[in-house]
Amino acid sequence: MKKFYLGFGILSLFALLCAACGSDQESGPQAGRQPDDPGAAAKGICGVGVSDRADADVSENPIVFADGNIEWFNPTTREIRFRDLEPAKAFVPYREIVFRLDDETLFAAATIVSDVNSQIYYDLVLYLSDPVEPRCYLNDAYPLWAADSDEARANAEARAEGWNKFIEQLRQDGRLQE
C-alpha cells in the first residue's frame, strides 16, 4: 500500500510540474515577442500584457496585439474585432492588457473573462463571449449587472480621458463601426 501512495504522490507531483510549466508560456502570434525596435512596434494602438498595471513598458512586456490587429470597434455594443489574432490563444487569463497609443497609456483591461468566471470585476474587462466563435467585448464590469455599481462607475470615469482618445484614434483610422 505504501508503494501505491508513493507512486501516486510522484505521479501527482509530475502532473503538477507539467501543468505549471505549461501555464507560464504565453501563446498567440505576438505573445512573448519582444520587438526589435520597441518604439516602432508601439506606434498606434497596441495592447501590452502585464501582470502589474504600473509596469506597462513595451520593452519589458510582450505586445499582445498591435495597431494592425484591431479590425474595428463598435462603441455601442462595445465589441472589438481583431484580425490575424485568436483571442482565446493570444490573451493570458488573469493578466491585464494595457491599451497604449504610441507612448501613452490609455487604460487597462483584465484579460479574457468568460461565462466560466465566477469572480466579479468592477473595472474594464475583455469579455470573450464564445471560445468557438469568439466575440470580444470591452465591458465596464463583469458580469454586466456589476456595471451599475458605484465602484464600476467611478472606474469608468477614471479612464474616460484615455477611453475617449482610444475612440477618437479608431475614428480617425476609419475603424469605428457605428
C-alpha atoms as a PDB file:
ATOM      1  CA  MET A   1       0.000   0.000   0.000  1.00  0.00           C
ATOM      2  CA  LYS A   2       2.916   2.339   0.708  1.00  0.00           C
ATOM      3  CA  LYS A   3       4.172   1.818  -2.849  1.00  0.00           C
ATOM      4  CA  PHE A   4       0.779   2.845  -4.166  1.00  0.00           C
ATOM      5  CA  TYR A   5       0.794   6.135  -2.213  1.00  0.00           C
ATOM      6  CA  LEU A   6       4.423   6.806  -3.141  1.00  0.00           C
ATOM      7  CA  GLY A   7       3.684   6.170  -6.823  1.00  0.00           C
ATOM      8  CA  PHE A   8       0.528   8.277  -6.670  1.00  0.00           C
ATOM      9  CA  GLY A   9       2.445  11.111  -4.991  1.00  0.00           C
ATOM     10  CA  ILE A  10       5.213  11.053  -7.594  1.00  0.00           C
ATOM     11  CA  LEU A  11       2.711  10.964 -10.438  1.00  0.00           C
ATOM     12  CA  SER A  12       0.749  13.860  -8.889  1.00  0.00           C
ATOM     13  CA  LEU A  13       3.906  15.920  -8.446  1.00  0.00           C
ATOM     14  CA  PHE A  14       4.935  15.250 -12.055  1.00  0.00           C
ATOM     15  CA  ALA A  15       1.489  16.304 -13.324  1.00  0.00           C
ATOM     16  CA  LEU A  16       1.602  19.459 -11.220  1.00  0.00           C
ATOM     17  CA  LEU A  17       5.045  20.392 -12.531  1.00  0.00           C
ATOM     18  CA  CYS A  18       3.979  19.825 -16.131  1.00  0.00           C
ATOM     19  CA  ALA A  19       0.884  21.993 -15.664  1.00  0.00           C
ATOM     20  CA  ALA A  20       2.883  24.776 -14.015  1.00  0.00           C
ATOM     21  CA  CYS A  21       5.465  24.843 -16.801  1.00  0.00           C
ATOM     22  CA  GLY A  22       2.797  24.964 -19.493  1.00  0.00           C
ATOM     23  CA  SER A  23       0.868  27.810 -17.876  1.00  0.00           C
ATOM     24  CA  ASP A  24       3.904  30.108 -17.761  1.00  0.00           C
ATOM     25  CA  GLN A  25       4.165  30.180 -21.528  1.00  0.00           C
ATOM     26  CA  GLU A  26       2.195  32.714 -23.465  1.00  0.00           C
ATOM     27  CA  SER A  27       0.781  31.868 -26.849  1.00  0.00           C
ATOM     28  CA  GLY A  28      -0.549  33.675 -29.871  1.00  0.00           C
ATOM     29  CA  PRO A  29       1.022  35.301 -32.886  1.00  0.00           C
ATOM     30  CA  GLN A  30       2.686  38.091 -30.937  1.00  0.00           C
ATOM     31  CA  ALA A  31       2.633  36.886 -27.355  1.00  0.00           C
ATOM     32  CA  GLY A  32       6.056  36.806 -25.825  1.00  0.00           C
ATOM     33  CA  ARG A  33       7.562  38.618 -28.800  1.00  0.00           C
ATOM     34  CA  GLN A  34       9.984  41.315 -27.845  1.00  0.00           C
ATOM     35  CA  PRO A  35      10.120  43.813 -30.682  1.00  0.00           C
ATOM     36  CA  ASP A  36      13.442  44.571 -32.354  1.00  0.00           C
ATOM     37  CA  ASP A  37      12.559  48.251 -32.143  1.00  0.00           C
ATOM     38  CA  PRO A  38      10.128  48.777 -29.245  1.00  0.00           C
ATOM     39  CA  GLY A  39       9.329  52.317 -30.393  1.00  0.00           C
ATOM     40  CA  ALA A  40       8.308  51.147 -33.860  1.00  0.00           C
ATOM     41  CA  ALA A  41       6.193  48.296 -32.515  1.00  0.00           C
ATOM     42  CA  ALA A  42       4.308  50.633 -30.179  1.00  0.00           C
ATOM     43  CA  LYS A  43       3.073  53.080 -32.833  1.00  0.00           C
ATOM     44  CA  GLY A  44      -0.675  53.487 -32.903  1.00  0.00           C
ATOM     45  CA  ILE A  45      -2.843  51.487 -30.525  1.00  0.00           C
ATOM     46  CA  CYS A  46      -1.311  48.375 -29.025  1.00  0.00           C
ATOM     47  CA  GLY A  47      -2.005  46.058 -26.127  1.00  0.00           C
ATOM     48  CA  VAL A  48       0.755  45.126 -23.709  1.00  0.00           C
ATOM     49  CA  GLY A  49       0.289  42.082 -21.477  1.00  0.00           C
ATOM     50  CA  VAL A  50       1.343  42.898 -17.927  1.00  0.00           C
ATOM     51  CA  SER A  51       0.928  41.399 -14.510  1.00  0.00           C
ATOM     52  CA  ASP A  52       1.301  44.799 -12.852  1.00  0.00           C
ATOM     53  CA  ARG A  53      -0.507  47.836 -14.262  1.00  0.00           C
ATOM     54  CA  ALA A  54       2.304  50.180 -13.191  1.00  0.00           C
ATOM     55  CA  ASP A  55       4.756  48.255 -15.392  1.00  0.00           C
ATOM     56  CA  ALA A  56       3.370  48.786 -18.901  1.00  0.00           C
ATOM     57  CA  ASP A  57       6.682  49.367 -20.676  1.00  0.00           C
ATOM     58  CA  VAL A  58       6.661  47.742 -24.126  1.00  0.00           C
ATOM     59  CA  SER A  59      10.359  46.983 -23.911  1.00  0.00           C
ATOM     60  CA  GLU A  60       9.800  44.842 -20.799  1.00  0.00           C
ATOM     61  CA  ASN A  61       6.477  43.131 -21.580  1.00  0.00           C
ATOM     62  CA  PRO A  62       5.113  41.246 -24.575  1.00  0.00           C
ATOM     63  CA  ILE A  63       2.968  43.079 -27.092  1.00  0.00           C
ATOM     64  CA  VAL A  64      -0.240  41.058 -27.234  1.00  0.00           C
ATOM     65  CA  PHE A  65      -1.718  42.880 -30.194  1.00  0.00           C
ATOM     66  CA  ALA A  66      -0.529  45.705 -32.400  1.00  0.00           C
ATOM     67  CA  ASP A  67      -2.396  48.516 -34.121  1.00  0.00           C
ATOM     68  CA  GLY A  68      -2.990  46.441 -37.252  1.00  0.00           C
ATOM     69  CA  ASN A  69      -4.690  43.673 -35.258  1.00  0.00           C
ATOM     70  CA  ILE A  70      -7.718  45.836 -34.443  1.00  0.00           C
ATOM     71  CA  GLU A  71     -10.129  45.431 -37.335  1.00  0.00           C
ATOM     72  CA  TRP A  72     -12.914  47.543 -35.815  1.00  0.00           C
ATOM     73  CA  PHE A  73     -14.614  48.588 -32.596  1.00  0.00           C
ATOM     74  CA  ASN A  74     -18.316  49.259 -32.061  1.00  0.00           C
ATOM     75  CA  PRO A  75     -18.797  51.802 -29.232  1.00  0.00           C
ATOM     76  CA  THR A  76     -22.498  50.925 -28.867  1.00  0.00           C
ATOM     77  CA  THR A  77     -22.127  47.172 -28.362  1.00  0.00           C
ATOM     78  CA  ARG A  78     -18.504  47.513 -27.141  1.00  0.00           C
ATOM     79  CA  GLU A  79     -17.471  44.659 -29.452  1.00  0.00           C
ATOM     80  CA  ILE A  80     -13.859  44.751 -30.605  1.00  0.00           C
ATOM     81  CA  ARG A  81     -12.904  42.646 -33.608  1.00  0.00           C
ATOM     82  CA  PHE A  82      -9.329  41.515 -34.117  1.00  0.00           C
ATOM     83  CA  ARG A  83      -7.723  40.301 -37.336  1.00  0.00           C
ATOM     84  CA  ASP A  84      -4.925  37.751 -37.519  1.00  0.00           C
ATOM     85  CA  LEU A  85      -5.327  37.080 -33.818  1.00  0.00           C
ATOM     86  CA  GLU A  86      -7.074  34.311 -31.915  1.00  0.00           C
ATOM     87  CA  PRO A  87      -8.184  35.938 -28.645  1.00  0.00           C
ATOM     88  CA  ALA A  88      -8.510  32.658 -26.750  1.00  0.00           C
ATOM     89  CA  LYS A  89      -4.857  31.887 -27.530  1.00  0.00           C
ATOM     90  CA  ALA A  90      -3.342  35.376 -27.520  1.00  0.00           C
ATOM     91  CA  PHE A  91      -4.602  36.649 -24.170  1.00  0.00           C
ATOM     92  CA  VAL A  92      -3.411  35.174 -20.908  1.00  0.00           C
ATOM     93  CA  PRO A  93      -6.145  34.903 -18.268  1.00  0.00           C
ATOM     94  CA  TYR A  94      -5.617  36.865 -15.049  1.00  0.00           C
ATOM     95  CA  ARG A  95      -3.177  39.270 -16.674  1.00  0.00           C
ATOM     96  CA  GLU A  96      -4.095  42.752 -17.697  1.00  0.00           C
ATOM     97  CA  ILE A  97      -3.807  44.266 -21.124  1.00  0.00           C
ATOM     98  CA  VAL A  98      -2.677  47.849 -21.041  1.00  0.00           C
ATOM     99  CA  PHE A  99      -4.018  49.726 -24.059  1.00  0.00           C
ATOM    100  CA  ARG A 100      -1.495  52.243 -25.304  1.00  0.00           C
ATOM    101  CA  LEU A 101      -1.475  54.889 -28.003  1.00  0.00           C
ATOM    102  CA  ASP A 102       2.096  55.452 -29.128  1.00  0.00           C
ATOM    103  CA  ASP A 103       3.916  56.138 -25.830  1.00  0.00           C
ATOM    104  CA  GLU A 104       0.827  56.989 -23.767  1.00  0.00           C
ATOM    105  CA  THR A 105      -1.060  54.534 -21.568  1.00  0.00           C
ATOM    106  CA  LEU A 106      -4.794  54.909 -22.210  1.00  0.00           C
ATOM    107  CA  PHE A 107      -6.376  52.321 -19.914  1.00  0.00           C
ATOM    108  CA  ALA A 108      -6.119  48.707 -18.796  1.00  0.00           C
ATOM    109  CA  ALA A 109      -8.482  45.756 -19.032  1.00  0.00           C
ATOM    110  CA  ALA A 110      -8.460  42.408 -17.310  1.00  0.00           C
ATOM    111  CA  THR A 111      -7.786  39.789 -19.956  1.00  0.00           C
ATOM    112  CA  ILE A 112     -10.234  37.172 -21.012  1.00  0.00           C
ATOM    113  CA  VAL A 113     -13.167  36.743 -18.756  1.00  0.00           C
ATOM    114  CA  SER A 114     -15.940  34.487 -19.919  1.00  0.00           C
ATOM    115  CA  ASP A 115     -19.080  32.839 -18.683  1.00  0.00           C
ATOM    116  CA  VAL A 116     -16.986  30.330 -16.736  1.00  0.00           C
ATOM    117  CA  ASN A 117     -15.596  33.077 -14.466  1.00  0.00           C
ATOM    118  CA  SER A 118     -17.170  33.316 -11.056  1.00  0.00           C
ATOM    119  CA  GLN A 119     -15.350  36.477  -9.987  1.00  0.00           C
ATOM    120  CA  ILE A 120     -16.951  39.898 -10.046  1.00  0.00           C
ATOM    121  CA  TYR A 121     -14.919  42.625 -11.755  1.00  0.00           C
ATOM    122  CA  TYR A 122     -15.806  46.262 -11.136  1.00  0.00           C
ATOM    123  CA  ASP A 123     -13.416  47.504 -13.789  1.00  0.00           C
ATOM    124  CA  LEU A 124     -12.910  47.148 -17.538  1.00  0.00           C
ATOM    125  CA  VAL A 125     -12.673  43.578 -18.805  1.00  0.00           C
ATOM    126  CA  LEU A 126     -12.081  41.949 -22.161  1.00  0.00           C
ATOM    127  CA  TYR A 127     -15.052  39.598 -22.277  1.00  0.00           C
ATOM    128  CA  LEU A 128     -14.867  36.584 -24.602  1.00  0.00           C
ATOM    129  CA  SER A 129     -18.412  35.520 -25.384  1.00  0.00           C
ATOM    130  CA  ASP A 130     -17.786  32.163 -27.029  1.00  0.00           C
ATOM    131  CA  PRO A 131     -14.482  30.277 -27.299  1.00  0.00           C
ATOM    132  CA  VAL A 132     -15.571  28.535 -30.526  1.00  0.00           C
ATOM    133  CA  GLU A 133     -16.808  31.636 -32.389  1.00  0.00           C
ATOM    134  CA  PRO A 134     -15.024  34.272 -30.327  1.00  0.00           C
ATOM    135  CA  ARG A 135     -16.510  37.699 -29.966  1.00  0.00           C
ATOM    136  CA  CYS A 136     -14.665  40.128 -27.730  1.00  0.00           C
ATOM    137  CA  TYR A 137     -16.244  42.959 -25.806  1.00  0.00           C
ATOM    138  CA  LEU A 138     -14.706  45.705 -23.703  1.00  0.00           C
ATOM    139  CA  ASN A 139     -17.222  45.802 -20.853  1.00  0.00           C
ATOM    140  CA  ASP A 140     -17.107  48.164 -17.882  1.00  0.00           C
ATOM    141  CA  ALA A 141     -17.584  45.253 -15.469  1.00  0.00           C
ATOM    142  CA  TYR A 142     -18.267  41.533 -15.273  1.00  0.00           C
ATOM    143  CA  PRO A 143     -20.928  40.319 -15.004  1.00  0.00           C
ATOM    144  CA  LEU A 144     -22.786  43.144 -16.715  1.00  0.00           C
ATOM    145  CA  TRP A 145     -25.005  43.873 -13.720  1.00  0.00           C
ATOM    146  CA  ALA A 146     -21.874  44.952 -11.812  1.00  0.00           C
ATOM    147  CA  ALA A 147     -21.514  47.946 -14.172  1.00  0.00           C
ATOM    148  CA  ASP A 148     -24.365  49.632 -12.261  1.00  0.00           C
ATOM    149  CA  SER A 149     -22.281  49.777  -9.085  1.00  0.00           C
ATOM    150  CA  ASP A 150     -20.706  52.963  -7.773  1.00  0.00           C
ATOM    151  CA  GLU A 151     -17.264  51.333  -7.963  1.00  0.00           C
ATOM    152  CA  ALA A 152     -17.640  50.421 -11.657  1.00  0.00           C
ATOM    153  CA  ARG A 153     -18.943  53.907 -12.488  1.00  0.00           C
ATOM    154  CA  ALA A 154     -16.009  55.520 -10.675  1.00  0.00           C
ATOM    155  CA  ASN A 155     -13.546  53.297 -12.577  1.00  0.00           C
ATOM    156  CA  ALA A 156     -15.215  54.187 -15.893  1.00  0.00           C
ATOM    157  CA  GLU A 157     -14.946  57.885 -15.019  1.00  0.00           C
ATOM    158  CA  ALA A 158     -11.271  57.485 -14.124  1.00  0.00           C
ATOM    159  CA  ARG A 159     -10.453  56.047 -17.547  1.00  0.00           C
ATOM    160  CA  ALA A 160     -12.771  58.370 -19.540  1.00  0.00           C
ATOM    161  CA  GLU A 161      -9.965  60.530 -20.941  1.00  0.00           C
ATOM    162  CA  GLY A 162      -7.991  57.536 -22.230  1.00  0.00           C
ATOM    163  CA  TRP A 163     -11.174  55.851 -23.478  1.00  0.00           C
ATOM    164  CA  ASN A 164     -12.085  58.953 -25.491  1.00  0.00           C
ATOM    165  CA  LYS A 165      -8.602  59.054 -27.053  1.00  0.00           C
ATOM    166  CA  PHE A 166      -8.996  55.366 -27.968  1.00  0.00           C
ATOM    167  CA  ILE A 167     -12.356  56.050 -29.649  1.00  0.00           C
ATOM    168  CA  GLU A 168     -11.053  59.139 -31.440  1.00  0.00           C
ATOM    169  CA  GLN A 169      -7.977  57.300 -32.783  1.00  0.00           C
ATOM    170  CA  LEU A 170     -10.140  54.488 -34.142  1.00  0.00           C
ATOM    171  CA  ARG A 171     -12.500  57.069 -35.685  1.00  0.00           C
ATOM    172  CA  GLN A 172      -9.561  58.811 -37.412  1.00  0.00           C
ATOM    173  CA  ASP A 173      -8.337  55.447 -38.704  1.00  0.00           C
ATOM    174  CA  GLY A 174     -11.803  54.539 -40.036  1.00  0.00           C
ATOM    175  CA  ARG A 175     -12.098  51.548 -37.703  1.00  0.00           C
ATOM    176  CA  LEU A 176     -15.045  52.720 -35.648  1.00  0.00           C
ATOM    177  CA  GLN A 177     -18.190  50.808 -36.520  1.00  0.00           C
ATOM    178  CA  GLU A 178     -21.226  52.897 -35.619  1.00  0.00           C
END
